[in-house]
């Protein structure tokens, strides 16, 4: 078990420098890189992961490995913060999905208490559940009325004094709205993984293969016994301020842990099996599913489009990358660049945020 000693380290809050390590590639001469962004050069790399180092270091949706190339682009150095999102809301009056609630017309069979504004929030159960039993996840996730980006743990919580923390309780559509306002867009899965790898191909983590180089915690994850006890050896039991841990070789922070990050691709767990025969240039994920799906039915009884992965009445899923403060190496070793998960379009959570990218003109 290559991470068997991780939870035994005696550590307070991370004692690491937050200054960027040497960037492996600089922007072309004459290019002005916007403040708060990094230049990512065009690259070809091995996407996914088939390495098994004696623990849950690979998952089916990450396989098979395949070659991907991406053109050069710019990416935010940090996850979008509460302060940044607040500026967007102030300028536009935007209201997030968590603040709106759901429509009885669209979900006529849903309980009334599930239609009110709110978000899904993690709460540690009092007793240790059997992690791999079907439905066990519901013991630590619950819909909390009044939870939103302003109140990420519920109506009695606040982001006051947390302007530099990543914004959460944000859906993919909310993230897209912010990105458009900022003159940016969400990264593709391929772009995000290229940026997270920092120019190092086939490494397990964003910093290399050692889970704790020099016995330093390299990201905000879960230590202790998941999900009942987080011993906070990394210094945090929830989200952490951006730049709390060392950046990768491209000067990017929190590409491992802290919060899951929305990307632009629709999610299909077996999507990679379609991509193994050639180098895939700038892939954008499965084809877009039909837009107006209600209760999992297709317009006029048509067949599922290629790449469409239904998820109950919510219609379709978006991919997320990077892991979060809830990732524990024995249960969810997904704070790795190859790891993938998903978000539901109508179900924001308190461990998911985003960062943006910008095309080079």
Foldseek 3Di string as FASTA:
>chain_A
DLCVCLQVDQAAAFPDDLFADAAPDQDPPPDDADPQKFKFAKDKFWFFDDDDPPAPLHDLLRDDIAIAIEHIWMWGQEFQFQLLVVVVCVVPVDDALLQQFADCVQVVPDDPVRRARWFKEFDAAQDDDPQPDPPPVVRGIDTEHQDAQQAPHHVVRGCVVVRQWHGFLHFQVNQQSSQVVVQFGFAALVVLLSVQCSPPHPASASAGPNCQVVNGHAAQAAHDDPPHDGPCSNNDQAADGWSSGYGHSRSHTQLAARAWAFGQEWDDSNQCVVRHPDHHYRDRYWDDWDDDAGQQADVPRDDTDTRADQDGRLGTKTKIAQHYNHADRNRHPGNHSNHIDIDRRSHIHSRYGHITMHGDD
